[in-house]
Amino acid sequence: MEIKATVVFFNSTPENFEKERQQKNCTVRKLSKDDEKLLKKSRIKWVSIRNEETGESLLRPIADITPWDGRYIFTWVPYDMPQPAEFRGLERVDNNE
């Protein structure tokens, strides 16, 4: 996990990336204690998921972050939105443009 500005970044396997892009609007992650502290201090508004093999990524607005059974569920609005100008250049984002 990495946080820049109000974006949280995750890498994903190709199989999970396709599901996150096409079928589901959440990811479940186990965070280190340091990542938990960082998350609690941050004001996350966006999630970026990156296919660790191809580098393709998606950017979605966060709808909710829920702690659950030692993990966190990051839920996002399930459709593409234009990338906000302040985040351009942080990472390549595929918005079907």
PDB file of N, CA and C in Angstrom:
ATOM      1  N   MET A   1       0.844  -1.178   0.000  1.00  0.00           N
ATOM      2  CA  MET A   1       0.000   0.000   0.000  1.00  0.00           C
ATOM      3  C   MET A   1       0.885   1.236   0.000  1.00  0.00           C
ATOM      4  N   GLU A   2       0.450   2.228  -0.759  1.00  0.00           N
ATOM      5  CA  GLU A   2       1.120   3.526  -0.782  1.00  0.00           C
ATOM      6  C   GLU A   2       0.030   4.592  -0.821  1.00  0.00           C
ATOM      7  N   ILE A   3       0.278   5.708  -0.166  1.00  0.00           N
ATOM      8  CA  ILE A   3      -0.669   6.815  -0.188  1.00  0.00           C
ATOM      9  C   ILE A   3       0.052   8.056  -0.688  1.00  0.00           C
ATOM     10  N   LYS A   4      -0.536   8.711  -1.709  1.00  0.00           N
ATOM     11  CA  LYS A   4      -0.054   9.991  -2.213  1.00  0.00           C
ATOM     12  C   LYS A   4      -1.258  10.905  -2.292  1.00  0.00           C
ATOM     13  N   ALA A   5      -1.122  12.096  -1.728  1.00  0.00           N
ATOM     14  CA  ALA A   5      -2.234  13.044  -1.686  1.00  0.00           C
ATOM     15  C   ALA A   5      -3.432  12.336  -1.050  1.00  0.00           C
ATOM     16  N   THR A   6      -4.528  12.189  -1.748  1.00  0.00           N
ATOM     17  CA  THR A   6      -5.708  11.504  -1.198  1.00  0.00           C
ATOM     18  C   THR A   6      -5.999  10.205  -1.963  1.00  0.00           C
ATOM     19  N   VAL A   7      -4.951   9.628  -2.550  1.00  0.00           N
ATOM     20  CA  VAL A   7      -5.089   8.380  -3.314  1.00  0.00           C
ATOM     21  C   VAL A   7      -4.349   7.265  -2.596  1.00  0.00           C
ATOM     22  N   VAL A   8      -5.013   6.128  -2.416  1.00  0.00           N
ATOM     23  CA  VAL A   8      -4.350   4.933  -1.893  1.00  0.00           C
ATOM     24  C   VAL A   8      -4.080   4.012  -3.084  1.00  0.00           C
ATOM     25  N   PHE A   9      -2.856   3.500  -3.173  1.00  0.00           N
ATOM     26  CA  PHE A   9      -2.427   2.669  -4.297  1.00  0.00           C
ATOM     27  C   PHE A   9      -2.210   1.234  -3.841  1.00  0.00           C
ATOM     28  N   PHE A  10      -2.728   0.293  -4.632  1.00  0.00           N
ATOM     29  CA  PHE A  10      -2.507  -1.132  -4.390  1.00  0.00           C
ATOM     30  C   PHE A  10      -2.090  -1.797  -5.690  1.00  0.00           C
ATOM     31  N   ASN A  11      -1.291  -2.850  -5.572  1.00  0.00           N
ATOM     32  CA  ASN A  11      -0.998  -3.723  -6.703  1.00  0.00           C
ATOM     33  C   ASN A  11      -1.931  -4.915  -6.617  1.00  0.00           C
ATOM     34  N   SER A  12      -2.222  -5.508  -7.760  1.00  0.00           N
ATOM     35  CA  SER A  12      -3.152  -6.630  -7.817  1.00  0.00           C
ATOM     36  C   SER A  12      -2.664  -7.642  -8.846  1.00  0.00           C
ATOM     37  N   THR A  13      -2.969  -8.903  -8.620  1.00  0.00           N
ATOM     38  CA  THR A  13      -2.638  -9.928  -9.604  1.00  0.00           C
ATOM     39  C   THR A  13      -3.513  -9.717 -10.836  1.00  0.00           C
ATOM     40  N   PRO A  14      -3.087 -10.209 -11.997  1.00  0.00           N
ATOM     41  CA  PRO A  14      -3.903 -10.031 -13.205  1.00  0.00           C
ATOM     42  C   PRO A  14      -5.332 -10.565 -13.047  1.00  0.00           C
ATOM     43  N   GLU A  15      -5.480 -11.729 -12.437  1.00  0.00           N
ATOM     44  CA  GLU A  15      -6.823 -12.302 -12.256  1.00  0.00           C
ATOM     45  C   GLU A  15      -7.690 -11.412 -11.369  1.00  0.00           C
ATOM     46  N   ASN A  16      -7.147 -10.971 -10.247  1.00  0.00           N
ATOM     47  CA  ASN A  16      -7.926 -10.112  -9.357  1.00  0.00           C
ATOM     48  C   ASN A  16      -8.169  -8.743  -9.967  1.00  0.00           C
ATOM     49  N   PHE A  17      -7.181  -8.211 -10.698  1.00  0.00           N
ATOM     50  CA  PHE A  17      -7.354  -6.910 -11.338  1.00  0.00           C
ATOM     51  C   PHE A  17      -8.556  -6.915 -12.276  1.00  0.00           C
ATOM     52  N   GLU A  18      -8.678  -7.952 -13.087  1.00  0.00           N
ATOM     53  CA  GLU A  18      -9.815  -8.035 -14.020  1.00  0.00           C
ATOM     54  C   GLU A  18     -11.140  -8.065 -13.273  1.00  0.00           C
ATOM     55  N   LYS A  19     -11.200  -8.793 -12.168  1.00  0.00           N
ATOM     56  CA  LYS A  19     -12.428  -8.838 -11.362  1.00  0.00           C
ATOM     57  C   LYS A  19     -12.713  -7.466 -10.760  1.00  0.00           C
ATOM     58  N   GLU A  20     -11.669  -6.793 -10.262  1.00  0.00           N
ATOM     59  CA  GLU A  20     -11.852  -5.471  -9.661  1.00  0.00           C
ATOM     60  C   GLU A  20     -12.288  -4.450 -10.707  1.00  0.00           C
ATOM     61  N   ARG A  21     -11.811  -4.594 -11.910  1.00  0.00           N
ATOM     62  CA  ARG A  21     -12.166  -3.656 -12.973  1.00  0.00           C
ATOM     63  C   ARG A  21     -13.551  -3.934 -13.538  1.00  0.00           C
ATOM     64  N   GLN A  22     -13.915  -5.203 -13.692  1.00  0.00           N
ATOM     65  CA  GLN A  22     -15.130  -5.561 -14.423  1.00  0.00           C
ATOM     66  C   GLN A  22     -16.304  -6.000 -13.549  1.00  0.00           C
ATOM     67  N   GLN A  23     -16.028  -6.678 -12.423  1.00  0.00           N
ATOM     68  CA  GLN A  23     -17.110  -7.354 -11.709  1.00  0.00           C
ATOM     69  C   GLN A  23     -17.394  -6.830 -10.317  1.00  0.00           C
ATOM     70  N   LYS A  24     -16.365  -6.488  -9.571  1.00  0.00           N
ATOM     71  CA  LYS A  24     -16.593  -6.100  -8.183  1.00  0.00           C
ATOM     72  C   LYS A  24     -16.093  -4.690  -7.925  1.00  0.00           C
ATOM     73  N   ASN A  25     -16.599  -4.087  -6.872  1.00  0.00           N
ATOM     74  CA  ASN A  25     -16.216  -2.713  -6.580  1.00  0.00           C
ATOM     75  C   ASN A  25     -15.564  -2.595  -5.205  1.00  0.00           C
ATOM     76  N   CYS A  26     -14.713  -3.599  -4.898  1.00  0.00           N
ATOM     77  CA  CYS A  26     -13.997  -3.535  -3.628  1.00  0.00           C
ATOM     78  C   CYS A  26     -12.739  -4.398  -3.679  1.00  0.00           C
ATOM     79  N   THR A  27     -11.867  -4.170  -2.713  1.00  0.00           N
ATOM     80  CA  THR A  27     -10.702  -5.010  -2.503  1.00  0.00           C
ATOM     81  C   THR A  27     -10.532  -5.182  -1.005  1.00  0.00           C
ATOM     82  N   VAL A  28     -10.112  -6.357  -0.586  1.00  0.00           N
ATOM     83  CA  VAL A  28      -9.891  -6.654   0.819  1.00  0.00           C
ATOM     84  C   VAL A  28      -8.390  -6.778   1.020  1.00  0.00           C
ATOM     85  N   ARG A  29      -7.852  -6.044   1.980  1.00  0.00           N
ATOM     86  CA  ARG A  29      -6.408  -6.019   2.192  1.00  0.00           C
ATOM     87  C   ARG A  29      -6.052  -6.158   3.665  1.00  0.00           C
ATOM     88  N   LYS A  30      -5.006  -6.919   3.936  1.00  0.00           N
ATOM     89  CA  LYS A  30      -4.424  -6.990   5.269  1.00  0.00           C
ATOM     90  C   LYS A  30      -3.295  -5.963   5.300  1.00  0.00           C
ATOM     91  N   LEU A  31      -3.361  -5.047   6.246  1.00  0.00           N
ATOM     92  CA  LEU A  31      -2.392  -3.964   6.317  1.00  0.00           C
ATOM     93  C   LEU A  31      -1.412  -4.192   7.464  1.00  0.00           C
ATOM     94  N   SER A  32      -0.197  -3.724   7.277  1.00  0.00           N
ATOM     95  CA  SER A  32       0.782  -3.744   8.368  1.00  0.00           C
ATOM     96  C   SER A  32       0.353  -2.704   9.406  1.00  0.00           C
ATOM     97  N   LYS A  33       0.932  -2.774  10.575  1.00  0.00           N
ATOM     98  CA  LYS A  33       0.617  -1.789  11.625  1.00  0.00           C
ATOM     99  C   LYS A  33       0.973  -0.372  11.153  1.00  0.00           C
ATOM    100  N   ASP A  34       2.111  -0.243  10.453  1.00  0.00           N
ATOM    101  CA  ASP A  34       2.503   1.071   9.926  1.00  0.00           C
ATOM    102  C   ASP A  34       1.492   1.582   8.902  1.00  0.00           C
ATOM    103  N   ASP A  35       1.013   0.681   8.019  1.00  0.00           N
ATOM    104  CA  ASP A  35       0.013   1.079   7.027  1.00  0.00           C
ATOM    105  C   ASP A  35      -1.307   1.467   7.688  1.00  0.00           C
ATOM    106  N   GLU A  36      -1.677   0.756   8.763  1.00  0.00           N
ATOM    107  CA  GLU A  36      -2.902   1.111   9.481  1.00  0.00           C
ATOM    108  C   GLU A  36      -2.798   2.521  10.059  1.00  0.00           C
ATOM    109  N   LYS A  37      -1.649   2.830  10.650  1.00  0.00           N
ATOM    110  CA  LYS A  37      -1.443   4.172  11.213  1.00  0.00           C
ATOM    111  C   LYS A  37      -1.521   5.231  10.119  1.00  0.00           C
ATOM    112  N   LEU A  38      -0.868   4.962   8.997  1.00  0.00           N
ATOM    113  CA  LEU A  38      -0.888   5.896   7.872  1.00  0.00           C
ATOM    114  C   LEU A  38      -2.313   6.092   7.357  1.00  0.00           C
ATOM    115  N   LEU A  39      -3.051   5.004   7.224  1.00  0.00           N
ATOM    116  CA  LEU A  39      -4.433   5.079   6.748  1.00  0.00           C
ATOM    117  C   LEU A  39      -5.291   5.945   7.673  1.00  0.00           C
ATOM    118  N   LYS A  40      -5.126   5.771   8.977  1.00  0.00           N
ATOM    119  CA  LYS A  40      -5.929   6.531   9.938  1.00  0.00           C
ATOM    120  C   LYS A  40      -5.625   8.027   9.898  1.00  0.00           C
ATOM    121  N   LYS A  41      -4.394   8.398   9.516  1.00  0.00           N
ATOM    122  CA  LYS A  41      -4.014   9.810   9.429  1.00  0.00           C
ATOM    123  C   LYS A  41      -4.402  10.432   8.086  1.00  0.00           C
ATOM    124  N   SER A  42      -4.685   9.614   7.107  1.00  0.00           N
ATOM    125  CA  SER A  42      -4.919  10.090   5.743  1.00  0.00           C
ATOM    126  C   SER A  42      -6.382  10.438   5.515  1.00  0.00           C
ATOM    127  N   ARG A  43      -6.590  11.189   4.445  1.00  0.00           N
ATOM    128  CA  ARG A  43      -7.950  11.542   4.017  1.00  0.00           C
ATOM    129  C   ARG A  43      -8.165  10.972   2.620  1.00  0.00           C
ATOM    130  N   ILE A  44      -8.292   9.668   2.573  1.00  0.00           N
ATOM    131  CA  ILE A  44      -8.399   8.947   1.312  1.00  0.00           C
ATOM    132  C   ILE A  44      -9.725   9.275   0.630  1.00  0.00           C
ATOM    133  N   LYS A  45      -9.635   9.636  -0.656  1.00  0.00           N
ATOM    134  CA  LYS A  45     -10.821   9.890  -1.472  1.00  0.00           C
ATOM    135  C   LYS A  45     -10.848   9.016  -2.715  1.00  0.00           C
ATOM    136  N   TRP A  46      -9.687   8.453  -3.082  1.00  0.00           N
ATOM    137  CA  TRP A  46      -9.560   7.680  -4.315  1.00  0.00           C
ATOM    138  C   TRP A  46      -8.764   6.411  -4.051  1.00  0.00           C
ATOM    139  N   VAL A  47      -9.029   5.373  -4.831  1.00  0.00           N
ATOM    140  CA  VAL A  47      -8.232   4.154  -4.805  1.00  0.00           C
ATOM    141  C   VAL A  47      -7.724   3.887  -6.218  1.00  0.00           C
ATOM    142  N   SER A  48      -6.459   3.519  -6.313  1.00  0.00           N
ATOM    143  CA  SER A  48      -5.863   3.138  -7.588  1.00  0.00           C
ATOM    144  C   SER A  48      -5.392   1.694  -7.453  1.00  0.00           C
ATOM    145  N   ILE A  49      -5.859   0.851  -8.356  1.00  0.00           N
ATOM    146  CA  ILE A  49      -5.455  -0.553  -8.387  1.00  0.00           C
ATOM    147  C   ILE A  49      -4.627  -0.755  -9.643  1.00  0.00           C
ATOM    148  N   ARG A  50      -3.437  -1.355  -9.492  1.00  0.00           N
ATOM    149  CA  ARG A  50      -2.504  -1.547 -10.610  1.00  0.00           C
ATOM    150  C   ARG A  50      -2.270  -3.031 -10.842  1.00  0.00           C
ATOM    151  N   ASN A  51      -2.426  -3.454 -12.089  1.00  0.00           N
ATOM    152  CA  ASN A  51      -2.113  -4.819 -12.489  1.00  0.00           C
ATOM    153  C   ASN A  51      -0.602  -4.975 -12.390  1.00  0.00           C
ATOM    154  N   GLU A  52      -0.136  -5.852 -11.504  1.00  0.00           N
ATOM    155  CA  GLU A  52       1.301  -5.955 -11.245  1.00  0.00           C
ATOM    156  C   GLU A  52       2.093  -6.516 -12.421  1.00  0.00           C
ATOM    157  N   GLU A  53       1.424  -7.150 -13.370  1.00  0.00           N
ATOM    158  CA  GLU A  53       2.127  -7.681 -14.535  1.00  0.00           C
ATOM    159  C   GLU A  53       2.149  -6.710 -15.712  1.00  0.00           C
ATOM    160  N   THR A  54       1.031  -6.067 -15.997  1.00  0.00           N
ATOM    161  CA  THR A  54       0.940  -5.215 -17.185  1.00  0.00           C
ATOM    162  C   THR A  54       1.157  -3.736 -16.885  1.00  0.00           C
ATOM    163  N   GLY A  55       0.991  -3.330 -15.631  1.00  0.00           N
ATOM    164  CA  GLY A  55       1.105  -1.916 -15.278  1.00  0.00           C
ATOM    165  C   GLY A  55      -0.176  -1.130 -15.493  1.00  0.00           C
ATOM    166  N   GLU A  56      -1.182  -1.759 -16.118  1.00  0.00           N
ATOM    167  CA  GLU A  56      -2.477  -1.096 -16.318  1.00  0.00           C
ATOM    168  C   GLU A  56      -3.087  -0.798 -14.947  1.00  0.00           C
ATOM    169  N   SER A  57      -3.795   0.316 -14.843  1.00  0.00           N
ATOM    170  CA  SER A  57      -4.377   0.666 -13.551  1.00  0.00           C
ATOM    171  C   SER A  57      -5.762   1.262 -13.721  1.00  0.00           C
ATOM    172  N   LEU A  58      -6.467   1.319 -12.609  1.00  0.00           N
ATOM    173  CA  LEU A  58      -7.775   1.964 -12.579  1.00  0.00           C
ATOM    174  C   LEU A  58      -7.796   2.910 -11.394  1.00  0.00           C
ATOM    175  N   LEU A  59      -8.589   3.940 -11.494  1.00  0.00           N
ATOM    176  CA  LEU A  59      -8.758   4.925 -10.434  1.00  0.00           C
ATOM    177  C   LEU A  59     -10.243   5.074 -10.177  1.00  0.00           C
ATOM    178  N   ARG A  60     -10.654   4.899  -8.920  1.00  0.00           N
ATOM    179  CA  ARG A  60     -12.062   5.006  -8.565  1.00  0.00           C
ATOM    180  C   ARG A  60     -12.211   5.830  -7.295  1.00  0.00           C
ATOM    181  N   PRO A  61     -13.314   6.561  -7.165  1.00  0.00           N
ATOM    182  CA  PRO A  61     -13.578   7.285  -5.919  1.00  0.00           C
ATOM    183  C   PRO A  61     -13.984   6.302  -4.813  1.00  0.00           C
ATOM    184  N   ILE A  62     -13.428   6.492  -3.641  1.00  0.00           N
ATOM    185  CA  ILE A  62     -13.724   5.633  -2.492  1.00  0.00           C
ATOM    186  C   ILE A  62     -15.141   5.910  -2.001  1.00  0.00           C
ATOM    187  N   ALA A  63     -15.881   4.853  -1.754  1.00  0.00           N
ATOM    188  CA  ALA A  63     -17.211   4.970  -1.160  1.00  0.00           C
ATOM    189  C   ALA A  63     -17.155   4.670   0.336  1.00  0.00           C
ATOM    190  N   ASP A  64     -16.236   3.737   0.735  1.00  0.00           N
ATOM    191  CA  ASP A  64     -16.183   3.328   2.133  1.00  0.00           C
ATOM    192  C   ASP A  64     -14.893   2.549   2.398  1.00  0.00           C
ATOM    193  N   ILE A  65     -14.384   2.658   3.626  1.00  0.00           N
ATOM    194  CA  ILE A  65     -13.283   1.821   4.103  1.00  0.00           C
ATOM    195  C   ILE A  65     -13.750   1.210   5.414  1.00  0.00           C
ATOM    196  N   THR A  66     -13.849  -0.114   5.458  1.00  0.00           N
ATOM    197  CA  THR A  66     -14.386  -0.812   6.617  1.00  0.00           C
ATOM    198  C   THR A  66     -13.381  -1.804   7.182  1.00  0.00           C
ATOM    199  N   PRO A  67     -13.014  -1.679   8.474  1.00  0.00           N
ATOM    200  CA  PRO A  67     -12.191  -2.721   9.087  1.00  0.00           C
ATOM    201  C   PRO A  67     -13.043  -3.978   9.280  1.00  0.00           C
ATOM    202  N   TRP A  68     -12.448  -5.147   8.993  1.00  0.00           N
ATOM    203  CA  TRP A  68     -13.194  -6.396   9.139  1.00  0.00           C
ATOM    204  C   TRP A  68     -12.229  -7.547   9.392  1.00  0.00           C
ATOM    205  N   ASP A  69     -12.349  -8.183  10.533  1.00  0.00           N
ATOM    206  CA  ASP A  69     -11.628  -9.409  10.855  1.00  0.00           C
ATOM    207  C   ASP A  69     -10.118  -9.289  10.576  1.00  0.00           C
ATOM    208  N   GLY A  70      -9.510  -8.196  11.027  1.00  0.00           N
ATOM    209  CA  GLY A  70      -8.080  -7.999  10.842  1.00  0.00           C
ATOM    210  C   GLY A  70      -7.679  -7.522   9.460  1.00  0.00           C
ATOM    211  N   ARG A  71      -8.654  -7.206   8.640  1.00  0.00           N
ATOM    212  CA  ARG A  71      -8.399  -6.717   7.287  1.00  0.00           C
ATOM    213  C   ARG A  71      -9.206  -5.439   7.066  1.00  0.00           C
ATOM    214  N   TYR A  72      -9.006  -4.836   5.908  1.00  0.00           N
ATOM    215  CA  TYR A  72      -9.784  -3.656   5.533  1.00  0.00           C
ATOM    216  C   TYR A  72     -10.441  -3.893   4.188  1.00  0.00           C
ATOM    217  N   ILE A  73     -11.704  -3.492   4.097  1.00  0.00           N
ATOM    218  CA  ILE A  73     -12.439  -3.561   2.837  1.00  0.00           C
ATOM    219  C   ILE A  73     -12.490  -2.145   2.272  1.00  0.00           C
ATOM    220  N   PHE A  74     -11.878  -1.964   1.112  1.00  0.00           N
ATOM    221  CA  PHE A  74     -11.896  -0.686   0.404  1.00  0.00           C
ATOM    222  C   PHE A  74     -12.948  -0.806  -0.693  1.00  0.00           C
ATOM    223  N   THR A  75     -14.034  -0.051  -0.572  1.00  0.00           N
ATOM    224  CA  THR A  75     -15.132  -0.103  -1.530  1.00  0.00           C
ATOM    225  C   THR A  75     -15.147   1.204  -2.317  1.00  0.00           C
ATOM    226  N   TRP A  76     -15.372   1.092  -3.628  1.00  0.00           N
ATOM    227  CA  TRP A  76     -15.372   2.277  -4.483  1.00  0.00           C
ATOM    228  C   TRP A  76     -16.628   2.348  -5.318  1.00  0.00           C
ATOM    229  N   VAL A  77     -16.873   3.531  -5.865  1.00  0.00           N
ATOM    230  CA  VAL A  77     -17.979   3.747  -6.791  1.00  0.00           C
ATOM    231  C   VAL A  77     -17.657   2.917  -8.037  1.00  0.00           C
ATOM    232  N   PRO A  78     -18.575   2.068  -8.478  1.00  0.00           N
ATOM    233  CA  PRO A  78     -18.253   1.059  -9.490  1.00  0.00           C
ATOM    234  C   PRO A  78     -18.283   1.524 -10.941  1.00  0.00           C
ATOM    235  N   TYR A  79     -17.782   2.705 -11.222  1.00  0.00           N
ATOM    236  CA  TYR A  79     -17.729   3.148 -12.609  1.00  0.00           C
ATOM    237  C   TYR A  79     -16.584   4.131 -12.775  1.00  0.00           C
ATOM    238  N   ASP A  80     -16.144   4.300 -14.013  1.00  0.00           N
ATOM    239  CA  ASP A  80     -15.061   5.232 -14.311  1.00  0.00           C
ATOM    240  C   ASP A  80     -15.521   6.664 -14.127  1.00  0.00           C
ATOM    241  N   MET A  81     -14.641   7.469 -13.617  1.00  0.00           N
ATOM    242  CA  MET A  81     -14.852   8.909 -13.543  1.00  0.00           C
ATOM    243  C   MET A  81     -13.589   9.556 -14.073  1.00  0.00           C
ATOM    244  N   PRO A  82     -13.678  10.738 -14.633  1.00  0.00           N
ATOM    245  CA  PRO A  82     -12.455  11.398 -15.111  1.00  0.00           C
ATOM    246  C   PRO A  82     -11.458  11.569 -13.965  1.00  0.00           C
ATOM    247  N   GLN A  83     -10.200  11.402 -14.284  1.00  0.00           N
ATOM    248  CA  GLN A  83      -9.154  11.551 -13.280  1.00  0.00           C
ATOM    249  C   GLN A  83      -9.029  13.022 -12.900  1.00  0.00           C
ATOM    250  N   PRO A  84      -9.066  13.340 -11.605  1.00  0.00           N
ATOM    251  CA  PRO A  84      -8.933  14.735 -11.196  1.00  0.00           C
ATOM    252  C   PRO A  84      -7.561  15.279 -11.578  1.00  0.00           C
ATOM    253  N   ALA A  85      -7.513  16.520 -11.982  1.00  0.00           N
ATOM    254  CA  ALA A  85      -6.280  17.140 -12.478  1.00  0.00           C
ATOM    255  C   ALA A  85      -5.146  17.075 -11.462  1.00  0.00           C
ATOM    256  N   GLU A  86      -5.452  17.191 -10.164  1.00  0.00           N
ATOM    257  CA  GLU A  86      -4.384  17.206  -9.164  1.00  0.00           C
ATOM    258  C   GLU A  86      -3.668  15.869  -9.030  1.00  0.00           C
ATOM    259  N   PHE A  87      -4.240  14.789  -9.598  1.00  0.00           N
ATOM    260  CA  PHE A  87      -3.605  13.480  -9.491  1.00  0.00           C
ATOM    261  C   PHE A  87      -2.893  13.071 -10.774  1.00  0.00           C
ATOM    262  N   ARG A  88      -3.021  13.835 -11.820  1.00  0.00           N
ATOM    263  CA  ARG A  88      -2.331  13.494 -13.072  1.00  0.00           C
ATOM    264  C   ARG A  88      -0.828  13.481 -12.822  1.00  0.00           C
ATOM    265  N   GLY A  89      -0.195  12.431 -13.289  1.00  0.00           N
ATOM    266  CA  GLY A  89       1.242  12.310 -13.112  1.00  0.00           C
ATOM    267  C   GLY A  89       1.649  11.473 -11.923  1.00  0.00           C
ATOM    268  N   LEU A  90       0.734  11.191 -10.972  1.00  0.00           N
ATOM    269  CA  LEU A  90       1.087  10.312  -9.860  1.00  0.00           C
ATOM    270  C   LEU A  90       1.246   8.881 -10.338  1.00  0.00           C
ATOM    271  N   GLU A  91       0.454   8.502 -11.302  1.00  0.00           N
ATOM    272  CA  GLU A  91       0.498   7.144 -11.839  1.00  0.00           C
ATOM    273  C   GLU A  91      -0.286   7.134 -13.141  1.00  0.00           C
ATOM    274  N   ARG A  92       0.091   6.254 -14.050  1.00  0.00           N
ATOM    275  CA  ARG A  92      -0.688   6.088 -15.269  1.00  0.00           C
ATOM    276  C   ARG A  92      -2.035   5.497 -14.884  1.00  0.00           C
ATOM    277  N   VAL A  93      -3.092   6.110 -15.353  1.00  0.00           N
ATOM    278  CA  VAL A  93      -4.432   5.652 -15.021  1.00  0.00           C
ATOM    279  C   VAL A  93      -5.207   5.426 -16.304  1.00  0.00           C
ATOM    280  N   ASP A  94      -5.833   4.274 -16.410  1.00  0.00           N
ATOM    281  CA  ASP A  94      -6.624   3.938 -17.587  1.00  0.00           C
ATOM    282  C   ASP A  94      -8.066   4.324 -17.334  1.00  0.00           C
ATOM    283  N   ASN A  95      -8.505   5.416 -17.944  1.00  0.00           N
ATOM    284  CA  ASN A  95      -9.894   5.857 -17.811  1.00  0.00           C
ATOM    285  C   ASN A  95     -10.625   5.724 -19.138  1.00  0.00           C
ATOM    286  N   ASN A  96     -10.141   4.849 -19.993  1.00  0.00           N
ATOM    287  CA  ASN A  96     -10.761   4.605 -21.300  1.00  0.00           C
ATOM    288  C   ASN A  96     -10.867   5.893 -22.112  1.00  0.00           C
ATOM    289  N   GLU A  97      -9.899   6.776 -21.977  1.00  0.00           N
ATOM    290  CA  GLU A  97      -9.907   8.045 -22.706  1.00  0.00           C
ATOM    291  C   GLU A  97      -9.191   7.868 -24.029  1.00  0.00           C
TER     292      GLU A  97
END
